[in-house]
Amino acid sequence: MAEKVPTRRTLDARPSRGYAVVSRTIFIEGGGDSKELHSRCREGFRRLLQRCGFSGRMPRLVACGGRSATFDDFQTRHDAAAQGDFAAMLLDSETPVAEIERTWEHLRQQDGWEKPESAGDDHVLLMVTCTESWIVADRATLESHYGSTLQQSALPPVNDLESRDRESVQNALTHATRRCSNAYAKGKRSFELIGELDPAVLTGQLPSFARMERVLNERL
């Protein structure tokens, strides 16, 4: 069964036990309409966040499927949030980001989305320009995952990865793994790779990943 996003009514109905119930939720773009892929999406990103050091303060992860559904689920939870709660979206930027700290401005220009009342830029975590940018950045993990059949020469250079359009990054990764028995594809295989990535490598290569770690360290 798909995860239900709490409504204001269900939140208000929680019994009081003399202390505040603080919620931390990240809504993730990914998983399509498949329950199995939603589970794999959550697991892949959970493993990555554990590698980042968040094991003892892991947020609730919700795989939302499409991009618009991610925004809708985030809005619902944000509007119902109690004081001290934190809800964020983790989604592809789709295009290069002019200023990574001005995430809502990017989404306004990219998607036509308006910032919900009281939401801040730290409620948006962007994969610039796409999930595959994170995967391509970690060459050691790619080599370990795919072995000698990986054509590394087909991959884009790791410098300035966040300035490259997502189609070129995605196509390069698909082409580089085309001879592999487990050739890259969005879905199960992408989530497997996400869970294997080395955060230290991503932090050094991708400003948006370093920003995500910083925001979550401040908010979790």
N, C-alpha and C. Protein backbone atom coordinates (compact mmCIF):
# COMPACT_ATOMS: atom_id res chain seq x y z
N MET A 1 0.84 -1.19 0.00
CA MET A 1 0.00 0.00 0.00
C MET A 1 0.87 1.24 0.00
N ALA A 2 0.52 2.21 -0.83
CA ALA A 2 1.31 3.44 -0.90
C ALA A 2 1.28 4.16 0.44
N GLU A 3 2.36 4.81 0.80
CA GLU A 3 2.42 5.54 2.06
C GLU A 3 1.46 6.72 2.03
N LYS A 4 0.73 6.89 3.12
CA LYS A 4 -0.20 8.00 3.23
C LYS A 4 0.48 9.19 3.87
N VAL A 5 0.24 10.35 3.32
CA VAL A 5 0.77 11.57 3.90
C VAL A 5 -0.17 12.04 4.99
N PRO A 6 0.30 12.27 6.22
CA PRO A 6 -0.59 12.69 7.28
C PRO A 6 -1.30 13.99 6.95
N THR A 7 -2.55 14.07 7.30
CA THR A 7 -3.31 15.30 7.12
C THR A 7 -3.31 16.06 8.44
N ARG A 8 -3.78 17.31 8.39
CA ARG A 8 -3.85 18.10 9.62
C ARG A 8 -4.74 17.41 10.64
N ARG A 9 -5.83 16.79 10.17
CA ARG A 9 -6.73 16.13 11.10
C ARG A 9 -6.05 15.00 11.84
N THR A 10 -5.30 14.16 11.10
CA THR A 10 -4.64 13.04 11.76
C THR A 10 -3.55 13.52 12.69
N LEU A 11 -2.88 14.61 12.32
CA LEU A 11 -1.86 15.14 13.20
C LEU A 11 -2.47 15.68 14.49
N ASP A 12 -3.59 16.41 14.35
CA ASP A 12 -4.23 16.98 15.52
C ASP A 12 -4.82 15.91 16.43
N ALA A 13 -5.10 14.73 15.84
CA ALA A 13 -5.73 13.67 16.62
C ALA A 13 -4.73 12.88 17.45
N ARG A 14 -3.45 13.14 17.29
CA ARG A 14 -2.46 12.40 18.06
C ARG A 14 -2.64 12.68 19.55
N PRO A 15 -2.57 11.64 20.36
CA PRO A 15 -2.73 11.86 21.80
C PRO A 15 -1.56 12.61 22.39
N SER A 16 -1.86 13.48 23.32
CA SER A 16 -0.81 14.24 24.00
C SER A 16 -0.23 13.40 25.12
N ARG A 17 1.08 13.31 25.19
CA ARG A 17 1.75 12.56 26.25
C ARG A 17 2.71 13.45 27.03
N GLY A 18 2.48 14.74 26.93
CA GLY A 18 3.30 15.65 27.69
C GLY A 18 4.55 16.10 26.98
N TYR A 19 4.72 15.69 25.71
CA TYR A 19 5.88 16.13 24.96
C TYR A 19 5.49 16.31 23.50
N ALA A 20 6.27 17.11 22.79
CA ALA A 20 5.96 17.39 21.40
C ALA A 20 6.46 16.25 20.52
N VAL A 21 5.62 15.86 19.55
CA VAL A 21 6.01 14.86 18.57
C VAL A 21 6.59 15.59 17.37
N VAL A 22 7.88 15.42 17.13
CA VAL A 22 8.56 16.12 16.04
C VAL A 22 8.68 15.18 14.86
N SER A 23 8.30 15.68 13.70
CA SER A 23 8.32 14.88 12.48
C SER A 23 9.39 15.40 11.53
N ARG A 24 10.12 14.48 10.91
CA ARG A 24 11.11 14.82 9.89
C ARG A 24 10.81 13.95 8.66
N THR A 25 10.45 14.56 7.55
CA THR A 25 10.04 13.82 6.37
C THR A 25 10.69 14.38 5.12
N ILE A 26 11.18 13.50 4.26
CA ILE A 26 11.70 13.90 2.96
C ILE A 26 10.88 13.21 1.87
N PHE A 27 10.30 14.00 0.99
CA PHE A 27 9.52 13.49 -0.13
C PHE A 27 10.43 13.42 -1.34
N ILE A 28 10.56 12.21 -1.92
CA ILE A 28 11.54 11.96 -2.97
C ILE A 28 10.86 11.76 -4.31
N GLU A 29 11.36 12.46 -5.32
CA GLU A 29 10.89 12.21 -6.68
C GLU A 29 11.48 10.89 -7.15
N GLY A 30 10.62 9.93 -7.50
CA GLY A 30 11.12 8.64 -7.98
C GLY A 30 10.22 7.50 -7.59
N GLY A 31 10.35 6.40 -8.31
CA GLY A 31 9.60 5.19 -8.01
C GLY A 31 8.41 4.95 -8.90
N GLY A 32 8.05 5.95 -9.73
CA GLY A 32 6.93 5.77 -10.63
C GLY A 32 5.65 5.40 -9.90
N ASP A 33 4.86 4.49 -10.49
CA ASP A 33 3.60 4.07 -9.90
C ASP A 33 3.69 2.68 -9.28
N SER A 34 4.91 2.14 -9.19
CA SER A 34 5.10 0.77 -8.71
C SER A 34 5.38 0.75 -7.21
N LYS A 35 4.64 -0.08 -6.47
CA LYS A 35 4.87 -0.22 -5.04
C LYS A 35 6.27 -0.78 -4.78
N GLU A 36 6.69 -1.72 -5.62
CA GLU A 36 8.02 -2.30 -5.46
C GLU A 36 9.10 -1.24 -5.65
N LEU A 37 8.95 -0.41 -6.69
CA LEU A 37 9.95 0.63 -6.94
C LEU A 37 9.92 1.71 -5.86
N HIS A 38 8.75 2.01 -5.31
CA HIS A 38 8.70 2.94 -4.19
C HIS A 38 9.55 2.41 -3.04
N SER A 39 9.42 1.11 -2.76
CA SER A 39 10.20 0.50 -1.69
C SER A 39 11.68 0.55 -2.00
N ARG A 40 12.06 0.25 -3.24
CA ARG A 40 13.47 0.27 -3.63
C ARG A 40 14.03 1.69 -3.59
N CYS A 41 13.21 2.66 -3.96
CA CYS A 41 13.63 4.06 -3.91
C CYS A 41 13.94 4.46 -2.47
N ARG A 42 13.02 4.17 -1.57
CA ARG A 42 13.23 4.50 -0.16
C ARG A 42 14.50 3.82 0.37
N GLU A 43 14.68 2.55 0.01
CA GLU A 43 15.83 1.81 0.52
C GLU A 43 17.14 2.38 -0.01
N GLY A 44 17.18 2.71 -1.31
CA GLY A 44 18.40 3.27 -1.88
C GLY A 44 18.81 4.56 -1.21
N PHE A 45 17.87 5.47 -1.03
CA PHE A 45 18.19 6.75 -0.41
C PHE A 45 18.42 6.59 1.09
N ARG A 46 17.75 5.64 1.73
CA ARG A 46 18.01 5.39 3.15
C ARG A 46 19.46 4.95 3.35
N ARG A 47 19.93 4.04 2.49
CA ARG A 47 21.31 3.57 2.59
C ARG A 47 22.30 4.71 2.35
N LEU A 48 21.99 5.58 1.40
CA LEU A 48 22.87 6.71 1.13
C LEU A 48 22.93 7.65 2.34
N LEU A 49 21.78 7.93 2.95
CA LEU A 49 21.76 8.82 4.11
C LEU A 49 22.47 8.17 5.30
N GLN A 50 22.37 6.86 5.42
CA GLN A 50 23.14 6.19 6.47
C GLN A 50 24.63 6.38 6.25
N ARG A 51 25.05 6.28 5.00
CA ARG A 51 26.46 6.49 4.69
C ARG A 51 26.89 7.93 4.99
N CYS A 52 25.93 8.85 4.95
CA CYS A 52 26.22 10.25 5.28
C CYS A 52 26.31 10.47 6.79
N GLY A 53 25.94 9.47 7.58
CA GLY A 53 26.02 9.60 9.03
C GLY A 53 24.72 9.93 9.72
N PHE A 54 23.58 9.73 9.05
CA PHE A 54 22.30 10.09 9.63
C PHE A 54 21.55 8.90 10.25
N SER A 55 22.24 7.81 10.52
CA SER A 55 21.57 6.60 11.01
C SER A 55 20.74 6.84 12.27
N GLY A 56 21.27 7.61 13.21
CA GLY A 56 20.55 7.82 14.46
C GLY A 56 19.48 8.89 14.41
N ARG A 57 19.34 9.55 13.27
CA ARG A 57 18.34 10.61 13.13
C ARG A 57 17.73 10.57 11.73
N MET A 58 17.44 9.37 11.29
CA MET A 58 16.95 9.17 9.93
C MET A 58 15.54 9.76 9.78
N PRO A 59 15.34 10.60 8.76
CA PRO A 59 13.99 11.11 8.51
C PRO A 59 13.12 10.03 7.89
N ARG A 60 11.83 10.23 7.93
CA ARG A 60 10.91 9.36 7.19
C ARG A 60 11.05 9.69 5.70
N LEU A 61 11.24 8.66 4.89
CA LEU A 61 11.41 8.84 3.46
C LEU A 61 10.14 8.39 2.74
N VAL A 62 9.64 9.25 1.86
CA VAL A 62 8.43 8.94 1.10
C VAL A 62 8.74 9.03 -0.38
N ALA A 63 8.65 7.90 -1.09
CA ALA A 63 8.82 7.90 -2.54
C ALA A 63 7.49 8.32 -3.16
N CYS A 64 7.51 9.37 -3.95
CA CYS A 64 6.26 9.97 -4.43
C CYS A 64 5.94 9.66 -5.89
N GLY A 65 6.89 9.07 -6.62
CA GLY A 65 6.65 8.85 -8.04
C GLY A 65 7.04 10.08 -8.83
N GLY A 66 6.07 10.67 -9.51
CA GLY A 66 6.33 11.78 -10.40
C GLY A 66 6.65 13.09 -9.71
N ARG A 67 7.10 14.02 -10.51
CA ARG A 67 7.56 15.31 -10.02
C ARG A 67 6.42 16.12 -9.38
N SER A 68 5.30 16.20 -10.07
CA SER A 68 4.16 16.96 -9.54
C SER A 68 3.62 16.33 -8.27
N ALA A 69 3.60 14.99 -8.22
CA ALA A 69 3.13 14.31 -7.01
C ALA A 69 4.03 14.61 -5.83
N THR A 70 5.33 14.73 -6.08
CA THR A 70 6.28 15.07 -5.02
C THR A 70 5.96 16.45 -4.44
N PHE A 71 5.71 17.41 -5.31
CA PHE A 71 5.38 18.76 -4.86
C PHE A 71 4.05 18.76 -4.10
N ASP A 72 3.06 18.05 -4.61
CA ASP A 72 1.75 18.00 -3.95
C ASP A 72 1.85 17.38 -2.56
N ASP A 73 2.58 16.26 -2.45
CA ASP A 73 2.73 15.61 -1.15
C ASP A 73 3.48 16.50 -0.17
N PHE A 74 4.52 17.16 -0.66
CA PHE A 74 5.26 18.09 0.20
C PHE A 74 4.35 19.21 0.70
N GLN A 75 3.57 19.82 -0.19
CA GLN A 75 2.69 20.91 0.20
C GLN A 75 1.70 20.47 1.27
N THR A 76 1.12 19.28 1.09
CA THR A 76 0.16 18.78 2.06
C THR A 76 0.79 18.63 3.43
N ARG A 77 1.99 18.05 3.46
CA ARG A 77 2.65 17.84 4.75
C ARG A 77 3.13 19.16 5.34
N HIS A 78 3.65 20.03 4.51
CA HIS A 78 4.14 21.32 5.00
C HIS A 78 2.99 22.14 5.60
N ASP A 79 1.85 22.15 4.95
CA ASP A 79 0.71 22.92 5.44
C ASP A 79 0.18 22.38 6.76
N ALA A 80 0.38 21.08 7.00
CA ALA A 80 -0.13 20.45 8.22
C ALA A 80 0.92 20.34 9.32
N ALA A 81 2.10 20.86 9.06
CA ALA A 81 3.21 20.67 9.99
C ALA A 81 2.98 21.38 11.31
N ALA A 82 3.35 20.71 12.37
CA ALA A 82 3.33 21.33 13.70
C ALA A 82 4.64 22.07 13.92
N GLN A 83 4.66 22.89 14.95
CA GLN A 83 5.88 23.64 15.24
C GLN A 83 7.04 22.67 15.50
N GLY A 84 8.16 22.92 14.85
CA GLY A 84 9.33 22.07 15.02
C GLY A 84 9.45 20.97 14.00
N ASP A 85 8.37 20.69 13.24
CA ASP A 85 8.43 19.67 12.19
C ASP A 85 9.27 20.18 11.02
N PHE A 86 9.78 19.24 10.24
CA PHE A 86 10.54 19.60 9.05
C PHE A 86 10.16 18.66 7.92
N ALA A 87 9.76 19.25 6.79
CA ALA A 87 9.46 18.49 5.59
C ALA A 87 10.27 19.08 4.44
N ALA A 88 10.80 18.22 3.60
CA ALA A 88 11.61 18.69 2.47
C ALA A 88 11.31 17.84 1.25
N MET A 89 11.62 18.38 0.08
CA MET A 89 11.55 17.64 -1.18
C MET A 89 12.96 17.37 -1.65
N LEU A 90 13.17 16.17 -2.18
CA LEU A 90 14.43 15.83 -2.85
C LEU A 90 14.07 15.47 -4.28
N LEU A 91 14.50 16.29 -5.23
CA LEU A 91 14.11 16.07 -6.62
C LEU A 91 15.16 16.59 -7.59
N ASP A 92 15.07 16.11 -8.82
CA ASP A 92 15.98 16.57 -9.87
C ASP A 92 15.76 18.06 -10.12
N SER A 93 16.85 18.77 -10.41
CA SER A 93 16.70 20.17 -10.80
C SER A 93 16.26 20.28 -12.25
N GLU A 94 16.49 19.21 -13.04
CA GLU A 94 16.16 19.16 -14.47
C GLU A 94 17.10 19.98 -15.34
N THR A 95 17.46 21.16 -14.90
CA THR A 95 18.38 22.03 -15.63
C THR A 95 19.42 22.56 -14.64
N PRO A 96 20.55 23.08 -15.14
CA PRO A 96 21.54 23.66 -14.23
C PRO A 96 20.92 24.77 -13.37
N VAL A 97 21.44 24.93 -12.16
CA VAL A 97 20.89 25.88 -11.19
C VAL A 97 21.81 27.09 -11.09
N ALA A 98 21.24 28.26 -11.29
CA ALA A 98 22.05 29.49 -11.27
C ALA A 98 22.63 29.74 -9.88
N GLU A 99 21.79 29.61 -8.84
CA GLU A 99 22.22 29.83 -7.46
C GLU A 99 21.64 28.70 -6.61
N ILE A 100 22.49 27.79 -6.15
CA ILE A 100 21.96 26.59 -5.50
C ILE A 100 21.27 26.88 -4.17
N GLU A 101 21.51 28.04 -3.57
CA GLU A 101 20.82 28.38 -2.33
C GLU A 101 19.43 28.97 -2.58
N ARG A 102 19.13 29.33 -3.82
CA ARG A 102 17.81 29.91 -4.15
C ARG A 102 16.99 28.86 -4.89
N THR A 103 16.64 27.83 -4.14
CA THR A 103 15.99 26.67 -4.75
C THR A 103 14.57 26.97 -5.22
N TRP A 104 13.83 27.75 -4.46
CA TRP A 104 12.45 28.06 -4.87
C TRP A 104 12.43 28.93 -6.12
N GLU A 105 13.40 29.80 -6.26
CA GLU A 105 13.48 30.61 -7.48
C GLU A 105 13.75 29.71 -8.69
N HIS A 106 14.58 28.69 -8.50
CA HIS A 106 14.83 27.75 -9.60
C HIS A 106 13.54 27.01 -9.96
N LEU A 107 12.81 26.54 -8.96
CA LEU A 107 11.58 25.79 -9.24
C LEU A 107 10.50 26.69 -9.84
N ARG A 108 10.50 27.97 -9.47
CA ARG A 108 9.54 28.89 -10.07
C ARG A 108 9.82 29.04 -11.56
N GLN A 109 11.08 29.17 -11.92
CA GLN A 109 11.44 29.32 -13.32
C GLN A 109 11.32 28.01 -14.09
N GLN A 110 11.71 26.91 -13.46
CA GLN A 110 11.73 25.61 -14.12
C GLN A 110 10.34 25.00 -14.26
N ASP A 111 9.55 25.06 -13.18
CA ASP A 111 8.28 24.34 -13.13
C ASP A 111 7.06 25.24 -12.97
N GLY A 112 7.28 26.52 -12.71
CA GLY A 112 6.16 27.41 -12.46
C GLY A 112 5.55 27.23 -11.08
N TRP A 113 6.30 26.64 -10.14
CA TRP A 113 5.80 26.41 -8.79
C TRP A 113 6.04 27.63 -7.92
N GLU A 114 5.04 27.96 -7.11
CA GLU A 114 5.17 29.05 -6.16
C GLU A 114 5.49 28.50 -4.78
N LYS A 115 6.33 29.18 -4.07
CA LYS A 115 6.75 28.76 -2.73
C LYS A 115 5.57 28.81 -1.77
N PRO A 116 5.28 27.71 -1.08
CA PRO A 116 4.22 27.74 -0.06
C PRO A 116 4.57 28.71 1.06
N GLU A 117 3.56 29.23 1.70
CA GLU A 117 3.76 30.17 2.80
C GLU A 117 4.61 29.52 3.88
N SER A 118 5.57 30.24 4.36
CA SER A 118 6.50 29.85 5.43
C SER A 118 7.54 28.81 5.00
N ALA A 119 7.52 28.37 3.76
CA ALA A 119 8.56 27.45 3.29
C ALA A 119 9.84 28.23 3.01
N GLY A 120 10.97 27.60 3.27
CA GLY A 120 12.26 28.23 3.00
C GLY A 120 13.03 27.46 1.94
N ASP A 121 14.13 28.03 1.50
CA ASP A 121 14.93 27.36 0.48
C ASP A 121 15.50 26.03 0.98
N ASP A 122 15.65 25.89 2.29
CA ASP A 122 16.18 24.63 2.81
C ASP A 122 15.14 23.52 2.84
N HIS A 123 13.90 23.82 2.43
CA HIS A 123 12.89 22.78 2.29
C HIS A 123 13.00 22.09 0.92
N VAL A 124 13.91 22.55 0.08
CA VAL A 124 14.10 21.96 -1.24
C VAL A 124 15.55 21.49 -1.36
N LEU A 125 15.71 20.20 -1.67
CA LEU A 125 17.02 19.59 -1.88
C LEU A 125 17.07 19.14 -3.33
N LEU A 126 18.02 19.67 -4.09
CA LEU A 126 18.05 19.42 -5.52
C LEU A 126 19.19 18.48 -5.90
N MET A 127 18.87 17.53 -6.78
CA MET A 127 19.90 16.72 -7.44
C MET A 127 20.18 17.41 -8.78
N VAL A 128 21.33 18.03 -8.89
CA VAL A 128 21.64 18.88 -10.05
C VAL A 128 22.57 18.12 -11.00
N THR A 129 22.13 17.87 -12.25
CA THR A 129 20.79 18.18 -12.74
C THR A 129 19.83 17.01 -12.61
N CYS A 130 20.37 15.84 -12.21
CA CYS A 130 19.53 14.65 -12.11
C CYS A 130 20.22 13.61 -11.23
N THR A 131 19.49 12.57 -10.90
CA THR A 131 20.05 11.48 -10.10
C THR A 131 21.32 10.92 -10.72
N GLU A 132 21.31 10.81 -12.04
CA GLU A 132 22.46 10.24 -12.74
C GLU A 132 23.73 11.08 -12.56
N SER A 133 23.59 12.37 -12.30
CA SER A 133 24.76 13.20 -12.03
C SER A 133 25.48 12.71 -10.77
N TRP A 134 24.70 12.31 -9.77
CA TRP A 134 25.28 11.76 -8.55
C TRP A 134 26.00 10.44 -8.85
N ILE A 135 25.35 9.59 -9.63
CA ILE A 135 25.92 8.27 -9.94
C ILE A 135 27.20 8.41 -10.75
N VAL A 136 27.18 9.26 -11.77
CA VAL A 136 28.34 9.44 -12.65
C VAL A 136 29.53 10.04 -11.89
N ALA A 137 29.25 10.82 -10.85
CA ALA A 137 30.32 11.47 -10.09
C ALA A 137 31.22 10.46 -9.36
N ASP A 138 30.67 9.31 -9.00
CA ASP A 138 31.40 8.33 -8.19
C ASP A 138 31.93 7.21 -9.09
N ARG A 139 33.08 7.44 -9.72
CA ARG A 139 33.62 6.48 -10.68
C ARG A 139 34.03 5.17 -10.02
N ALA A 140 34.54 5.24 -8.79
CA ALA A 140 34.97 4.02 -8.12
C ALA A 140 33.79 3.09 -7.86
N THR A 141 32.67 3.64 -7.44
CA THR A 141 31.48 2.82 -7.22
C THR A 141 30.96 2.25 -8.53
N LEU A 142 30.96 3.04 -9.59
CA LEU A 142 30.53 2.54 -10.89
C LEU A 142 31.40 1.38 -11.35
N GLU A 143 32.71 1.52 -11.20
CA GLU A 143 33.63 0.46 -11.62
C GLU A 143 33.42 -0.79 -10.79
N SER A 144 33.21 -0.63 -9.48
CA SER A 144 32.98 -1.77 -8.61
C SER A 144 31.66 -2.47 -8.95
N HIS A 145 30.65 -1.68 -9.29
CA HIS A 145 29.31 -2.23 -9.56
C HIS A 145 29.26 -2.94 -10.90
N TYR A 146 29.92 -2.36 -11.92
CA TYR A 146 29.79 -2.89 -13.28
C TYR A 146 30.98 -3.73 -13.74
N GLY A 147 32.12 -3.55 -13.13
CA GLY A 147 33.27 -4.34 -13.52
C GLY A 147 33.93 -3.86 -14.80
N SER A 148 34.69 -4.77 -15.42
CA SER A 148 35.53 -4.39 -16.55
C SER A 148 34.75 -4.06 -17.81
N THR A 149 33.48 -4.43 -17.87
CA THR A 149 32.69 -4.14 -19.08
C THR A 149 32.19 -2.69 -19.11
N LEU A 150 32.38 -1.97 -18.02
CA LEU A 150 32.02 -0.54 -18.01
C LEU A 150 32.96 0.23 -18.94
N GLN A 151 32.40 1.01 -19.85
CA GLN A 151 33.22 1.82 -20.75
C GLN A 151 33.36 3.21 -20.14
N GLN A 152 34.39 3.38 -19.32
CA GLN A 152 34.56 4.64 -18.60
C GLN A 152 34.79 5.82 -19.55
N SER A 153 35.38 5.56 -20.71
CA SER A 153 35.66 6.65 -21.64
C SER A 153 34.37 7.30 -22.19
N ALA A 154 33.25 6.60 -22.07
CA ALA A 154 31.98 7.14 -22.55
C ALA A 154 31.32 8.07 -21.53
N LEU A 155 31.85 8.10 -20.31
CA LEU A 155 31.26 8.93 -19.26
C LEU A 155 31.77 10.37 -19.36
N PRO A 156 30.96 11.33 -18.96
CA PRO A 156 31.40 12.73 -19.00
C PRO A 156 32.44 13.01 -17.92
N PRO A 157 33.29 14.01 -18.09
CA PRO A 157 34.26 14.38 -17.05
C PRO A 157 33.52 14.72 -15.75
N VAL A 158 34.18 14.44 -14.62
CA VAL A 158 33.52 14.68 -13.34
C VAL A 158 33.51 16.16 -12.97
N ASN A 159 34.44 16.97 -13.54
CA ASN A 159 34.39 18.39 -13.18
C ASN A 159 33.22 19.07 -13.88
N ASP A 160 32.62 19.97 -13.13
CA ASP A 160 31.48 20.75 -13.63
C ASP A 160 30.32 19.87 -14.08
N LEU A 161 30.12 18.74 -13.40
CA LEU A 161 29.01 17.86 -13.75
C LEU A 161 27.66 18.56 -13.64
N GLU A 162 27.54 19.46 -12.66
CA GLU A 162 26.25 20.09 -12.43
C GLU A 162 25.89 21.12 -13.50
N SER A 163 26.83 21.41 -14.39
CA SER A 163 26.52 22.33 -15.48
C SER A 163 26.08 21.59 -16.74
N ARG A 164 26.09 20.26 -16.69
CA ARG A 164 25.75 19.46 -17.88
C ARG A 164 24.26 19.14 -17.90
N ASP A 165 23.66 19.17 -19.09
CA ASP A 165 22.23 18.90 -19.16
C ASP A 165 21.97 17.43 -18.85
N ARG A 166 20.80 17.17 -18.28
CA ARG A 166 20.51 15.84 -17.77
C ARG A 166 20.46 14.79 -18.86
N GLU A 167 19.97 15.15 -20.05
CA GLU A 167 19.87 14.17 -21.12
C GLU A 167 21.26 13.63 -21.50
N SER A 168 22.25 14.51 -21.57
CA SER A 168 23.59 14.06 -21.94
C SER A 168 24.19 13.17 -20.86
N VAL A 169 23.94 13.49 -19.59
CA VAL A 169 24.46 12.67 -18.50
C VAL A 169 23.78 11.30 -18.50
N GLN A 170 22.46 11.29 -18.63
CA GLN A 170 21.72 10.03 -18.65
C GLN A 170 22.12 9.16 -19.84
N ASN A 171 22.23 9.77 -21.01
CA ASN A 171 22.60 9.01 -22.21
C ASN A 171 24.02 8.46 -22.11
N ALA A 172 24.92 9.24 -21.52
CA ALA A 172 26.30 8.78 -21.37
C ALA A 172 26.37 7.57 -20.45
N LEU A 173 25.62 7.60 -19.35
CA LEU A 173 25.63 6.48 -18.42
C LEU A 173 25.04 5.23 -19.07
N THR A 174 23.95 5.41 -19.80
CA THR A 174 23.35 4.27 -20.50
C THR A 174 24.32 3.68 -21.52
N HIS A 175 25.00 4.56 -22.26
CA HIS A 175 25.95 4.11 -23.29
C HIS A 175 27.15 3.40 -22.66
N ALA A 176 27.65 3.93 -21.55
CA ALA A 176 28.84 3.37 -20.91
C ALA A 176 28.58 1.98 -20.34
N THR A 177 27.33 1.65 -20.04
CA THR A 177 27.01 0.35 -19.43
C THR A 177 26.30 -0.59 -20.40
N ARG A 178 26.24 -0.23 -21.66
CA ARG A 178 25.42 -0.99 -22.61
C ARG A 178 25.89 -2.44 -22.77
N ARG A 179 27.18 -2.71 -22.55
CA ARG A 179 27.71 -4.07 -22.70
C ARG A 179 27.67 -4.85 -21.39
N CYS A 180 27.23 -4.21 -20.33
CA CYS A 180 27.17 -4.86 -19.02
C CYS A 180 25.90 -5.69 -18.90
N SER A 181 25.98 -6.81 -18.20
CA SER A 181 24.80 -7.67 -18.02
C SER A 181 23.71 -6.97 -17.22
N ASN A 182 24.11 -6.03 -16.38
CA ASN A 182 23.17 -5.25 -15.57
C ASN A 182 23.16 -3.79 -16.02
N ALA A 183 23.05 -3.59 -17.34
CA ALA A 183 23.12 -2.25 -17.92
C ALA A 183 22.21 -1.27 -17.18
N TYR A 184 22.66 -0.02 -17.11
CA TYR A 184 21.93 0.98 -16.34
C TYR A 184 20.54 1.22 -16.91
N ALA A 185 19.58 1.35 -15.99
CA ALA A 185 18.22 1.74 -16.34
C ALA A 185 17.61 2.40 -15.12
N LYS A 186 16.75 3.36 -15.36
CA LYS A 186 16.05 4.00 -14.25
C LYS A 186 15.18 2.95 -13.55
N GLY A 187 15.07 3.09 -12.24
CA GLY A 187 14.26 2.14 -11.50
C GLY A 187 15.12 1.32 -10.56
N LYS A 188 14.92 0.01 -10.59
CA LYS A 188 15.62 -0.88 -9.67
C LYS A 188 17.13 -0.66 -9.68
N ARG A 189 17.73 -0.59 -10.87
CA ARG A 189 19.18 -0.49 -10.94
C ARG A 189 19.68 0.87 -10.50
N SER A 190 18.95 1.91 -10.78
CA SER A 190 19.39 3.24 -10.33
C SER A 190 19.35 3.32 -8.81
N PHE A 191 18.33 2.73 -8.18
CA PHE A 191 18.23 2.79 -6.73
C PHE A 191 19.30 1.92 -6.06
N GLU A 192 19.67 0.81 -6.70
CA GLU A 192 20.78 0.01 -6.18
C GLU A 192 22.05 0.83 -6.13
N LEU A 193 22.32 1.56 -7.21
CA LEU A 193 23.53 2.37 -7.27
C LEU A 193 23.50 3.51 -6.26
N ILE A 194 22.36 4.15 -6.11
CA ILE A 194 22.24 5.25 -5.14
C ILE A 194 22.67 4.77 -3.75
N GLY A 195 22.26 3.56 -3.38
CA GLY A 195 22.60 3.03 -2.06
C GLY A 195 24.05 2.67 -1.88
N GLU A 196 24.82 2.61 -2.99
CA GLU A 196 26.23 2.23 -2.92
C GLU A 196 27.17 3.43 -3.01
N LEU A 197 26.65 4.62 -3.29
CA LEU A 197 27.51 5.78 -3.54
C LEU A 197 28.27 6.20 -2.28
N ASP A 198 29.43 6.80 -2.50
CA ASP A 198 30.30 7.28 -1.42
C ASP A 198 30.05 8.77 -1.21
N PRO A 199 29.45 9.16 -0.08
CA PRO A 199 29.14 10.57 0.15
C PRO A 199 30.36 11.48 0.10
N ALA A 200 31.51 11.00 0.53
CA ALA A 200 32.72 11.83 0.52
C ALA A 200 33.09 12.23 -0.90
N VAL A 201 32.94 11.30 -1.84
CA VAL A 201 33.22 11.59 -3.24
C VAL A 201 32.21 12.61 -3.78
N LEU A 202 30.94 12.40 -3.48
CA LEU A 202 29.90 13.30 -4.00
C LEU A 202 30.05 14.70 -3.42
N THR A 203 30.40 14.79 -2.15
CA THR A 203 30.59 16.10 -1.53
C THR A 203 31.70 16.87 -2.21
N GLY A 204 32.76 16.18 -2.59
CA GLY A 204 33.88 16.84 -3.24
C GLY A 204 33.60 17.25 -4.68
N GLN A 205 32.66 16.58 -5.34
CA GLN A 205 32.40 16.84 -6.75
C GLN A 205 31.16 17.68 -7.01
N LEU A 206 30.17 17.62 -6.11
CA LEU A 206 28.85 18.19 -6.40
C LEU A 206 28.41 19.17 -5.30
N PRO A 207 28.43 20.47 -5.59
CA PRO A 207 27.99 21.45 -4.60
C PRO A 207 26.58 21.21 -4.07
N SER A 208 25.68 20.70 -4.92
CA SER A 208 24.31 20.47 -4.46
C SER A 208 24.25 19.34 -3.44
N PHE A 209 25.10 18.33 -3.59
CA PHE A 209 25.13 17.24 -2.61
C PHE A 209 25.70 17.75 -1.29
N ALA A 210 26.76 18.55 -1.36
CA ALA A 210 27.33 19.13 -0.14
C ALA A 210 26.29 19.99 0.57
N ARG A 211 25.48 20.72 -0.21
CA ARG A 211 24.42 21.54 0.37
C ARG A 211 23.38 20.66 1.07
N MET A 212 22.98 19.55 0.44
CA MET A 212 22.00 18.66 1.06
C MET A 212 22.50 18.16 2.40
N GLU A 213 23.76 17.72 2.45
CA GLU A 213 24.30 17.26 3.72
C GLU A 213 24.28 18.36 4.77
N ARG A 214 24.66 19.56 4.38
CA ARG A 214 24.67 20.68 5.33
C ARG A 214 23.27 20.97 5.85
N VAL A 215 22.29 21.05 4.96
CA VAL A 215 20.92 21.34 5.37
C VAL A 215 20.40 20.26 6.31
N LEU A 216 20.62 19.00 5.97
CA LEU A 216 20.11 17.93 6.82
C LEU A 216 20.84 17.88 8.16
N ASN A 217 22.12 18.21 8.18
CA ASN A 217 22.82 18.28 9.46
C ASN A 217 22.24 19.37 10.35
N GLU A 218 21.76 20.44 9.75
CA GLU A 218 21.18 21.54 10.51
C GLU A 218 19.75 21.24 10.96
N ARG A 219 19.00 20.45 10.17
CA ARG A 219 17.57 20.31 10.41
C ARG A 219 17.14 18.98 11.03
N LEU A 220 17.99 17.97 10.98
CA LEU A 220 17.59 16.66 11.53
C LEU A 220 18.02 16.52 12.99
